[in-house]
Amino acid sequence: DMENAKPVLKKFKGWKTSLKKVRDYESLPKEARDYIEFIEDFC
């Protein structure tokens, strides 16, 4: 089943900026927070 499985993909908008200096959640771009919050809700 796993070998025959094809992924059903959901698209997310990228944030197009460096996260290297981000040190708190609120400072993340909205697009990155949207991605993370979807992961949290799904899992």
ModelCIF file with pLDDT and N, C-alpha, C, O atoms, coordinates in Angstrom:
data_MODEL
#
_entry.id   MODEL 
#
_entity.id                         1 
_entity.type                       polymer 
_entity.pdbx_number_of_molecules   1 
#
_entity_poly.entity_id                      1 
_entity_poly.type                           'polypeptide(L)' 
_entity_poly.nstd_linkage                   no 
_entity_poly.nstd_monomer                   no 
_entity_poly.pdbx_seq_one_letter_code       DMENAKPVLKKFKGWKTSLKKVRDYESLPKEARDYIEFIEDFC 
_entity_poly.pdbx_seq_one_letter_code_can   DMENAKPVLKKFKGWKTSLKKVRDYESLPKEARDYIEFIEDFC 
_entity_poly.pdbx_strand_id                 A 
#
loop_
_entity_poly_seq.entity_id 
_entity_poly_seq.num 
_entity_poly_seq.mon_id 
_entity_poly_seq.hetero 
1 1  ASP n 
1 2  MET n 
1 3  GLU n 
1 4  ASN n 
1 5  ALA n 
1 6  LYS n 
1 7  PRO n 
1 8  VAL n 
1 9  LEU n 
1 10 LYS n 
1 11 LYS n 
1 12 PHE n 
1 13 LYS n 
1 14 GLY n 
1 15 TRP n 
1 16 LYS n 
1 17 THR n 
1 18 SER n 
1 19 LEU n 
1 20 LYS n 
1 21 LYS n 
1 22 VAL n 
1 23 ARG n 
1 24 ASP n 
1 25 TYR n 
1 26 GLU n 
1 27 SER n 
1 28 LEU n 
1 29 PRO n 
1 30 LYS n 
1 31 GLU n 
1 32 ALA n 
1 33 ARG n 
1 34 ASP n 
1 35 TYR n 
1 36 ILE n 
1 37 GLU n 
1 38 PHE n 
1 39 ILE n 
1 40 GLU n 
1 41 ASP n 
1 42 PHE n 
1 43 CYS n 
#
_struct_asym.id          A 
_struct_asym.entity_id   1 
#
loop_
_ma_qa_metric.id 
_ma_qa_metric.mode 
_ma_qa_metric.name 
_ma_qa_metric.software_group_id 
_ma_qa_metric.type 
1 global pLDDT . pLDDT 
2 local  pLDDT . pLDDT 
#
_ma_qa_metric_global.metric_id      1 
_ma_qa_metric_global.metric_value   96.72 
_ma_qa_metric_global.model_id       1 
_ma_qa_metric_global.ordinal_id     1 
#
loop_
_ma_qa_metric_local.label_asym_id 
_ma_qa_metric_local.label_comp_id 
_ma_qa_metric_local.label_seq_id 
_ma_qa_metric_local.metric_id 
_ma_qa_metric_local.metric_value 
_ma_qa_metric_local.model_id 
_ma_qa_metric_local.ordinal_id 
A ASP 1  2 96.00 1 1  
A MET 2  2 94.00 1 2  
A GLU 3  2 94.00 1 3  
A ASN 4  2 96.00 1 4  
A ALA 5  2 97.00 1 5  
A LYS 6  2 97.00 1 6  
A PRO 7  2 97.00 1 7  
A VAL 8  2 98.00 1 8  
A LEU 9  2 97.00 1 9  
A LYS 10 2 98.00 1 10 
A LYS 11 2 97.00 1 11 
A PHE 12 2 97.00 1 12 
A LYS 13 2 97.00 1 13 
A GLY 14 2 96.00 1 14 
A TRP 15 2 97.00 1 15 
A LYS 16 2 96.00 1 16 
A THR 17 2 96.00 1 17 
A SER 18 2 96.00 1 18 
A LEU 19 2 97.00 1 19 
A LYS 20 2 94.00 1 20 
A LYS 21 2 94.00 1 21 
A VAL 22 2 96.00 1 22 
A ARG 23 2 96.00 1 23 
A ASP 24 2 96.00 1 24 
A TYR 25 2 97.00 1 25 
A GLU 26 2 96.00 1 26 
A SER 27 2 97.00 1 27 
A LEU 28 2 97.00 1 28 
A PRO 29 2 97.00 1 29 
A LYS 30 2 97.00 1 30 
A GLU 31 2 97.00 1 31 
A ALA 32 2 97.00 1 32 
A ARG 33 2 97.00 1 33 
A ASP 34 2 97.00 1 34 
A TYR 35 2 97.00 1 35 
A ILE 36 2 98.00 1 36 
A GLU 37 2 98.00 1 37 
A PHE 38 2 98.00 1 38 
A ILE 39 2 98.00 1 39 
A GLU 40 2 98.00 1 40 
A ASP 41 2 98.00 1 41 
A PHE 42 2 98.00 1 42 
A CYS 43 2 98.00 1 43 
#
loop_
_atom_site.group_PDB 
_atom_site.id 
_atom_site.type_symbol 
_atom_site.label_atom_id 
_atom_site.label_alt_id 
_atom_site.label_comp_id 
_atom_site.label_asym_id 
_atom_site.label_entity_id 
_atom_site.label_seq_id 
_atom_site.pdbx_PDB_ins_code 
_atom_site.Cartn_x 
_atom_site.Cartn_y 
_atom_site.Cartn_z 
_atom_site.occupancy 
_atom_site.B_iso_or_equiv 
_atom_site.pdbx_formal_charge 
_atom_site.auth_seq_id 
_atom_site.auth_comp_id 
_atom_site.auth_asym_id 
_atom_site.auth_atom_id 
_atom_site.pdbx_PDB_model_num 
ATOM 1   N N  . ASP A 1 1  ? 0.833  -1.208 0.000  1.00 96.00 ? 1  ASP A N  1 
ATOM 2   C CA . ASP A 1 1  ? 0.000  0.000  0.000  1.00 96.00 ? 1  ASP A CA 1 
ATOM 3   C C  . ASP A 1 1  ? 0.868  1.259  0.000  1.00 96.00 ? 1  ASP A C  1 
ATOM 4   O O  . ASP A 1 1  ? 0.589  2.217  -0.721 1.00 96.00 ? 1  ASP A O  1 
ATOM 5   N N  . MET A 1 2  ? 1.918  1.245  0.813  1.00 94.00 ? 2  MET A N  1 
ATOM 6   C CA . MET A 1 2  ? 2.803  2.403  0.901  1.00 94.00 ? 2  MET A CA 1 
ATOM 7   C C  . MET A 1 2  ? 3.539  2.653  -0.416 1.00 94.00 ? 2  MET A C  1 
ATOM 8   O O  . MET A 1 2  ? 3.728  3.800  -0.822 1.00 94.00 ? 2  MET A O  1 
ATOM 9   N N  . GLU A 1 3  ? 3.950  1.577  -1.074 1.00 94.00 ? 3  GLU A N  1 
ATOM 10  C CA . GLU A 1 3  ? 4.668  1.722  -2.341 1.00 94.00 ? 3  GLU A CA 1 
ATOM 11  C C  . GLU A 1 3  ? 3.755  2.237  -3.447 1.00 94.00 ? 3  GLU A C  1 
ATOM 12  O O  . GLU A 1 3  ? 4.219  2.893  -4.380 1.00 94.00 ? 3  GLU A O  1 
ATOM 13  N N  . ASN A 1 4  ? 2.460  1.943  -3.349 1.00 96.00 ? 4  ASN A N  1 
ATOM 14  C CA . ASN A 1 4  ? 1.492  2.396  -4.351 1.00 96.00 ? 4  ASN A CA 1 
ATOM 15  C C  . ASN A 1 4  ? 0.893  3.764  -4.016 1.00 96.00 ? 4  ASN A C  1 
ATOM 16  O O  . ASN A 1 4  ? 0.154  4.333  -4.820 1.00 96.00 ? 4  ASN A O  1 
ATOM 17  N N  . ALA A 1 5  ? 1.207  4.286  -2.845 1.00 97.00 ? 5  ALA A N  1 
ATOM 18  C CA . ALA A 1 5  ? 0.606  5.540  -2.393 1.00 97.00 ? 5  ALA A CA 1 
ATOM 19  C C  . ALA A 1 5  ? 1.174  6.740  -3.147 1.00 97.00 ? 5  ALA A C  1 
ATOM 20  O O  . ALA A 1 5  ? 2.388  6.892  -3.282 1.00 97.00 ? 5  ALA A O  1 
ATOM 21  N N  . LYS A 1 6  ? 0.271  7.584  -3.633 1.00 97.00 ? 6  LYS A N  1 
ATOM 22  C CA . LYS A 1 6  ? 0.655  8.854  -4.237 1.00 97.00 ? 6  LYS A CA 1 
ATOM 23  C C  . LYS A 1 6  ? 0.199  9.974  -3.310 1.00 97.00 ? 6  LYS A C  1 
ATOM 24  O O  . LYS A 1 6  ? -0.923 9.933  -2.805 1.00 97.00 ? 6  LYS A O  1 
ATOM 25  N N  . PRO A 1 7  ? 1.047  10.972 -3.078 1.00 97.00 ? 7  PRO A N  1 
ATOM 26  C CA . PRO A 1 7  ? 0.697  12.017 -2.112 1.00 97.00 ? 7  PRO A CA 1 
ATOM 27  C C  . PRO A 1 7  ? -0.394 12.957 -2.624 1.00 97.00 ? 7  PRO A C  1 
ATOM 28  O O  . PRO A 1 7  ? -0.360 13.398 -3.773 1.00 97.00 ? 7  PRO A O  1 
ATOM 29  N N  . VAL A 1 8  ? -1.345 13.252 -1.771 1.00 98.00 ? 8  VAL A N  1 
ATOM 30  C CA . VAL A 1 8  ? -2.313 14.310 -2.032 1.00 98.00 ? 8  VAL A CA 1 
ATOM 31  C C  . VAL A 1 8  ? -1.743 15.567 -1.369 1.00 98.00 ? 8  VAL A C  1 
ATOM 32  O O  . VAL A 1 8  ? -1.622 15.622 -0.146 1.00 98.00 ? 8  VAL A O  1 
ATOM 33  N N  . LEU A 1 9  ? -1.396 16.567 -2.169 1.00 97.00 ? 9  LEU A N  1 
ATOM 34  C CA . LEU A 1 9  ? -0.628 17.704 -1.687 1.00 97.00 ? 9  LEU A CA 1 
ATOM 35  C C  . LEU A 1 9  ? -1.494 18.946 -1.473 1.00 97.00 ? 9  LEU A C  1 
ATOM 36  O O  . LEU A 1 9  ? -2.411 19.231 -2.243 1.00 97.00 ? 9  LEU A O  1 
ATOM 37  N N  . LYS A 1 10 ? -1.176 19.671 -0.408 1.00 98.00 ? 10 LYS A N  1 
ATOM 38  C CA . LYS A 1 10 ? -1.783 20.971 -0.145 1.00 98.00 ? 10 LYS A CA 1 
ATOM 39  C C  . LYS A 1 10 ? -0.717 22.033 -0.334 1.00 98.00 ? 10 LYS A C  1 
ATOM 40  O O  . LYS A 1 10 ? 0.407  21.890 0.148  1.00 98.00 ? 10 LYS A O  1 
ATOM 41  N N  . LYS A 1 11 ? -1.073 23.099 -1.038 1.00 97.00 ? 11 LYS A N  1 
ATOM 42  C CA . LYS A 1 11 ? -0.137 24.172 -1.336 1.00 97.00 ? 11 LYS A CA 1 
ATOM 43  C C  . LYS A 1 11 ? -0.190 25.266 -0.268 1.00 97.00 ? 11 LYS A C  1 
ATOM 44  O O  . LYS A 1 11 ? -1.250 25.594 0.265  1.00 97.00 ? 11 LYS A O  1 
ATOM 45  N N  . PHE A 1 12 ? 0.988  25.818 0.023  1.00 97.00 ? 12 PHE A N  1 
ATOM 46  C CA . PHE A 1 12 ? 1.115  26.925 0.964  1.00 97.00 ? 12 PHE A CA 1 
ATOM 47  C C  . PHE A 1 12 ? 1.956  28.025 0.304  1.00 97.00 ? 12 PHE A C  1 
ATOM 48  O O  . PHE A 1 12 ? 2.894  27.742 -0.441 1.00 97.00 ? 12 PHE A O  1 
ATOM 49  N N  . LYS A 1 13 ? 1.609  29.265 0.586  1.00 97.00 ? 13 LYS A N  1 
ATOM 50  C CA . LYS A 1 13 ? 2.361  30.387 0.066  1.00 97.00 ? 13 LYS A CA 1 
ATOM 51  C C  . LYS A 1 13 ? 3.690  30.508 0.807  1.00 97.00 ? 13 LYS A C  1 
ATOM 52  O O  . LYS A 1 13 ? 3.721  30.442 2.036  1.00 97.00 ? 13 LYS A O  1 
ATOM 53  N N  . GLY A 1 14 ? 4.792  30.685 0.066  1.00 96.00 ? 14 GLY A N  1 
ATOM 54  C CA . GLY A 1 14 ? 6.095  30.871 0.689  1.00 96.00 ? 14 GLY A CA 1 
ATOM 55  C C  . GLY A 1 14 ? 6.241  32.250 1.288  1.00 96.00 ? 14 GLY A C  1 
ATOM 56  O O  . GLY A 1 14 ? 5.417  33.132 1.046  1.00 96.00 ? 14 GLY A O  1 
ATOM 57  N N  . TRP A 1 15 ? 7.316  32.442 2.092  1.00 97.00 ? 15 TRP A N  1 
ATOM 58  C CA . TRP A 1 15 ? 7.486  33.726 2.794  1.00 97.00 ? 15 TRP A CA 1 
ATOM 59  C C  . TRP A 1 15 ? 8.590  34.583 2.191  1.00 97.00 ? 15 TRP A C  1 
ATOM 60  O O  . TRP A 1 15 ? 8.668  35.772 2.500  1.00 97.00 ? 15 TRP A O  1 
ATOM 61  N N  . LYS A 1 16 ? 9.458  34.015 1.329  1.00 96.00 ? 16 LYS A N  1 
ATOM 62  C CA . LYS A 1 16 ? 10.427 34.767 0.545  1.00 96.00 ? 16 LYS A CA 1 
ATOM 63  C C  . LYS A 1 16 ? 11.266 35.744 1.371  1.00 96.00 ? 16 LYS A C  1 
ATOM 64  O O  . LYS A 1 16 ? 11.547 36.857 0.927  1.00 96.00 ? 16 LYS A O  1 
ATOM 65  N N  . THR A 1 17 ? 11.653 35.333 2.542  1.00 96.00 ? 17 THR A N  1 
ATOM 66  C CA . THR A 1 17 ? 12.528 36.151 3.375  1.00 96.00 ? 17 THR A CA 1 
ATOM 67  C C  . THR A 1 17 ? 13.318 35.246 4.308  1.00 96.00 ? 17 THR A C  1 
ATOM 68  O O  . THR A 1 17 ? 12.877 34.139 4.616  1.00 96.00 ? 17 THR A O  1 
ATOM 69  N N  . SER A 1 18 ? 14.473 35.703 4.759  1.00 96.00 ? 18 SER A N  1 
ATOM 70  C CA . SER A 1 18 ? 15.320 34.901 5.626  1.00 96.00 ? 18 SER A CA 1 
ATOM 71  C C  . SER A 1 18 ? 14.754 34.831 7.047  1.00 96.00 ? 18 SER A C  1 
ATOM 72  O O  . SER A 1 18 ? 14.308 35.834 7.604  1.00 96.00 ? 18 SER A O  1 
ATOM 73  N N  . LEU A 1 19 ? 14.784 33.614 7.625  1.00 97.00 ? 19 LEU A N  1 
ATOM 74  C CA . LEU A 1 19 ? 14.337 33.413 9.007  1.00 97.00 ? 19 LEU A CA 1 
ATOM 75  C C  . LEU A 1 19 ? 15.507 33.319 9.984  1.00 97.00 ? 19 LEU A C  1 
ATOM 76  O O  . LEU A 1 19 ? 15.293 33.120 11.179 1.00 97.00 ? 19 LEU A O  1 
ATOM 77  N N  . LYS A 1 20 ? 16.727 33.457 9.497  1.00 94.00 ? 20 LYS A N  1 
ATOM 78  C CA . LYS A 1 20 ? 17.915 33.202 10.298 1.00 94.00 ? 20 LYS A CA 1 
ATOM 79  C C  . LYS A 1 20 ? 17.967 33.976 11.612 1.00 94.00 ? 20 LYS A C  1 
ATOM 80  O O  . LYS A 1 20 ? 18.471 33.467 12.613 1.00 94.00 ? 20 LYS A O  1 
ATOM 81  N N  . LYS A 1 21 ? 17.446 35.205 11.612 1.00 94.00 ? 21 LYS A N  1 
ATOM 82  C CA . LYS A 1 21 ? 17.548 36.041 12.808 1.00 94.00 ? 21 LYS A CA 1 
ATOM 83  C C  . LYS A 1 21 ? 16.259 36.085 13.622 1.00 94.00 ? 21 LYS A C  1 
ATOM 84  O O  . LYS A 1 21 ? 16.163 36.836 14.593 1.00 94.00 ? 21 LYS A O  1 
ATOM 85  N N  . VAL A 1 22 ? 15.270 35.284 13.232 1.00 96.00 ? 22 VAL A N  1 
ATOM 86  C CA . VAL A 1 22 ? 14.010 35.250 13.979 1.00 96.00 ? 22 VAL A CA 1 
ATOM 87  C C  . VAL A 1 22 ? 14.220 34.492 15.282 1.00 96.00 ? 22 VAL A C  1 
ATOM 88  O O  . VAL A 1 22 ? 14.784 33.398 15.271 1.00 96.00 ? 22 VAL A O  1 
ATOM 89  N N  . ARG A 1 23 ? 13.773 35.058 16.411 1.00 96.00 ? 23 ARG A N  1 
ATOM 90  C CA . ARG A 1 23 ? 13.973 34.434 17.711 1.00 96.00 ? 23 ARG A CA 1 
ATOM 91  C C  . ARG A 1 23 ? 12.685 34.338 18.531 1.00 96.00 ? 23 ARG A C  1 
ATOM 92  O O  . ARG A 1 23 ? 12.733 34.021 19.720 1.00 96.00 ? 23 ARG A O  1 
ATOM 93  N N  . ASP A 1 24 ? 11.559 34.604 17.919 1.00 96.00 ? 24 ASP A N  1 
ATOM 94  C CA . ASP A 1 24 ? 10.287 34.378 18.579 1.00 96.00 ? 24 ASP A CA 1 
ATOM 95  C C  . ASP A 1 24 ? 9.214  34.138 17.529 1.00 96.00 ? 24 ASP A C  1 
ATOM 96  O O  . ASP A 1 24 ? 9.348  34.551 16.377 1.00 96.00 ? 24 ASP A O  1 
ATOM 97  N N  . TYR A 1 25 ? 8.147  33.466 17.945 1.00 97.00 ? 25 TYR A N  1 
ATOM 98  C CA . TYR A 1 25 ? 7.121  33.033 17.006 1.00 97.00 ? 25 TYR A CA 1 
ATOM 99  C C  . TYR A 1 25 ? 6.421  34.212 16.328 1.00 97.00 ? 25 TYR A C  1 
ATOM 100 O O  . TYR A 1 25 ? 6.136  34.168 15.132 1.00 97.00 ? 25 TYR A O  1 
ATOM 101 N N  . GLU A 1 26 ? 6.156  35.231 17.076 1.00 96.00 ? 26 GLU A N  1 
ATOM 102 C CA . GLU A 1 26 ? 5.415  36.375 16.549 1.00 96.00 ? 26 GLU A CA 1 
ATOM 103 C C  . GLU A 1 26 ? 6.187  37.094 15.446 1.00 96.00 ? 26 GLU A C  1 
ATOM 104 O O  . GLU A 1 26 ? 5.592  37.777 14.612 1.00 96.00 ? 26 GLU A O  1 
ATOM 105 N N  . SER A 1 27 ? 7.518  36.939 15.442 1.00 97.00 ? 27 SER A N  1 
ATOM 106 C CA . SER A 1 27 ? 8.332  37.609 14.428 1.00 97.00 ? 27 SER A CA 1 
ATOM 107 C C  . SER A 1 27 ? 8.412  36.829 13.118 1.00 97.00 ? 27 SER A C  1 
ATOM 108 O O  . SER A 1 27 ? 8.944  37.335 12.130 1.00 97.00 ? 27 SER A O  1 
ATOM 109 N N  . LEU A 1 28 ? 7.895  35.616 13.102 1.00 97.00 ? 28 LEU A N  1 
ATOM 110 C CA . LEU A 1 28 ? 7.853  34.851 11.858 1.00 97.00 ? 28 LEU A CA 1 
ATOM 111 C C  . LEU A 1 28 ? 6.900  35.514 10.864 1.00 97.00 ? 28 LEU A C  1 
ATOM 112 O O  . LEU A 1 28 ? 5.893  36.094 11.267 1.00 97.00 ? 28 LEU A O  1 
ATOM 113 N N  . PRO A 1 29 ? 7.210  35.433 9.568  1.00 97.00 ? 29 PRO A N  1 
ATOM 114 C CA . PRO A 1 29 ? 6.247  35.917 8.573  1.00 97.00 ? 29 PRO A CA 1 
ATOM 115 C C  . PRO A 1 29 ? 4.917  35.171 8.700  1.00 97.00 ? 29 PRO A C  1 
ATOM 116 O O  . PRO A 1 29 ? 4.880  34.017 9.125  1.00 97.00 ? 29 PRO A O  1 
ATOM 117 N N  . LYS A 1 30 ? 3.836  35.841 8.329  1.00 97.00 ? 30 LYS A N  1 
ATOM 118 C CA . LYS A 1 30 ? 2.511  35.235 8.431  1.00 97.00 ? 30 LYS A CA 1 
ATOM 119 C C  . LYS A 1 30 ? 2.441  33.914 7.682  1.00 97.00 ? 30 LYS A C  1 
ATOM 120 O O  . LYS A 1 30 ? 1.805  32.969 8.148  1.00 97.00 ? 30 LYS A O  1 
ATOM 121 N N  . GLU A 1 31 ? 3.087  33.841 6.529  1.00 97.00 ? 31 GLU A N  1 
ATOM 122 C CA . GLU A 1 31 ? 3.045  32.628 5.725  1.00 97.00 ? 31 GLU A CA 1 
ATOM 123 C C  . GLU A 1 31 ? 3.685  31.445 6.453  1.00 97.00 ? 31 GLU A C  1 
ATOM 124 O O  . GLU A 1 31 ? 3.195  30.320 6.356  1.00 97.00 ? 31 GLU A O  1 
ATOM 125 N N  . ALA A 1 32 ? 4.784  31.695 7.185  1.00 97.00 ? 32 ALA A N  1 
ATOM 126 C CA . ALA A 1 32 ? 5.433  30.639 7.961  1.00 97.00 ? 32 ALA A CA 1 
ATOM 127 C C  . ALA A 1 32 ? 4.549  30.203 9.119  1.00 97.00 ? 32 ALA A C  1 
ATOM 128 O O  . ALA A 1 32 ? 4.452  29.013 9.418  1.00 97.00 ? 32 ALA A O  1 
ATOM 129 N N  . ARG A 1 33 ? 3.896  31.177 9.778  1.00 97.00 ? 33 ARG A N  1 
ATOM 130 C CA . ARG A 1 33 ? 2.984  30.845 10.871 1.00 97.00 ? 33 ARG A CA 1 
ATOM 131 C C  . ARG A 1 33 ? 1.784  30.063 10.371 1.00 97.00 ? 33 ARG A C  1 
ATOM 132 O O  . ARG A 1 33 ? 1.312  29.153 11.051 1.00 97.00 ? 33 ARG A O  1 
ATOM 133 N N  . ASP A 1 34 ? 1.282  30.405 9.192  1.00 97.00 ? 34 ASP A N  1 
ATOM 134 C CA . ASP A 1 34 ? 0.160  29.661 8.610  1.00 97.00 ? 34 ASP A CA 1 
ATOM 135 C C  . ASP A 1 34 ? 0.537  28.206 8.368  1.00 97.00 ? 34 ASP A C  1 
ATOM 136 O O  . ASP A 1 34 ? -0.252 27.299 8.631  1.00 97.00 ? 34 ASP A O  1 
ATOM 137 N N  . TYR A 1 35 ? 1.744  27.992 7.867  1.00 97.00 ? 35 TYR A N  1 
ATOM 138 C CA . TYR A 1 35 ? 2.246  26.640 7.613  1.00 97.00 ? 35 TYR A CA 1 
ATOM 139 C C  . TYR A 1 35 ? 2.332  25.849 8.916  1.00 97.00 ? 35 TYR A C  1 
ATOM 140 O O  . TYR A 1 35 ? 1.882  24.705 8.985  1.00 97.00 ? 35 TYR A O  1 
ATOM 141 N N  . ILE A 1 36 ? 2.905  26.454 9.936  1.00 98.00 ? 36 ILE A N  1 
ATOM 142 C CA . ILE A 1 36 ? 3.072  25.799 11.237 1.00 98.00 ? 36 ILE A CA 1 
ATOM 143 C C  . ILE A 1 36 ? 1.723  25.500 11.874 1.00 98.00 ? 36 ILE A C  1 
ATOM 144 O O  . ILE A 1 36 ? 1.512  24.409 12.405 1.00 98.00 ? 36 ILE A O  1 
ATOM 145 N N  . GLU A 1 37 ? 0.815  26.456 11.823 1.00 98.00 ? 37 GLU A N  1 
ATOM 146 C CA . GLU A 1 37 ? -0.488 26.258 12.465 1.00 98.00 ? 37 GLU A CA 1 
ATOM 147 C C  . GLU A 1 37 ? -1.334 25.207 11.757 1.00 98.00 ? 37 GLU A C  1 
ATOM 148 O O  . GLU A 1 37 ? -2.142 24.525 12.387 1.00 98.00 ? 37 GLU A O  1 
ATOM 149 N N  . PHE A 1 38 ? -1.147 25.077 10.453 1.00 98.00 ? 38 PHE A N  1 
ATOM 150 C CA . PHE A 1 38 ? -1.822 23.981 9.758  1.00 98.00 ? 38 PHE A CA 1 
ATOM 151 C C  . PHE A 1 38 ? -1.285 22.633 10.230 1.00 98.00 ? 38 PHE A C  1 
ATOM 152 O O  . PHE A 1 38 ? -2.058 21.703 10.458 1.00 98.00 ? 38 PHE A O  1 
ATOM 153 N N  . ILE A 1 39 ? 0.037  22.524 10.379 1.00 98.00 ? 39 ILE A N  1 
ATOM 154 C CA . ILE A 1 39 ? 0.656  21.301 10.889 1.00 98.00 ? 39 ILE A CA 1 
ATOM 155 C C  . ILE A 1 39 ? 0.105  20.952 12.263 1.00 98.00 ? 39 ILE A C  1 
ATOM 156 O O  . ILE A 1 39 ? -0.236 19.800 12.529 1.00 98.00 ? 39 ILE A O  1 
ATOM 157 N N  . GLU A 1 40 ? 0.019  21.955 13.138 1.00 98.00 ? 40 GLU A N  1 
ATOM 158 C CA . GLU A 1 40 ? -0.505 21.737 14.490 1.00 98.00 ? 40 GLU A CA 1 
ATOM 159 C C  . GLU A 1 40 ? -1.943 21.229 14.455 1.00 98.00 ? 40 GLU A C  1 
ATOM 160 O O  . GLU A 1 40 ? -2.288 20.278 15.156 1.00 98.00 ? 40 GLU A O  1 
ATOM 161 N N  . ASP A 1 41 ? -2.770 21.859 13.645 1.00 98.00 ? 41 ASP A N  1 
ATOM 162 C CA . ASP A 1 41 ? -4.177 21.459 13.563 1.00 98.00 ? 41 ASP A CA 1 
ATOM 163 C C  . ASP A 1 41 ? -4.309 20.051 12.990 1.00 98.00 ? 41 ASP A C  1 
ATOM 164 O O  . ASP A 1 41 ? -5.119 19.254 13.464 1.00 98.00 ? 41 ASP A O  1 
ATOM 165 N N  . PHE A 1 42 ? -3.516 19.753 11.976 1.00 98.00 ? 42 PHE A N  1 
ATOM 166 C CA . PHE A 1 42 ? -3.606 18.445 11.325 1.00 98.00 ? 42 PHE A CA 1 
ATOM 167 C C  . PHE A 1 42 ? -3.182 17.331 12.275 1.00 98.00 ? 42 PHE A C  1 
ATOM 168 O O  . PHE A 1 42 ? -3.836 16.290 12.342 1.00 98.00 ? 42 PHE A O  1 
ATOM 169 N N  . CYS A 1 43 ? -2.086 17.545 13.013 1.00 98.00 ? 43 CYS A N  1 
ATOM 170 C CA . CYS A 1 43 ? -1.529 16.517 13.890 1.00 98.00 ? 43 CYS A CA 1 
ATOM 171 C C  . CYS A 1 43 ? -2.140 16.523 15.286 1.00 98.00 ? 43 CYS A C  1 
ATOM 172 O O  . CYS A 1 43 ? -1.762 15.709 16.128 1.00 98.00 ? 43 CYS A O  1 
#
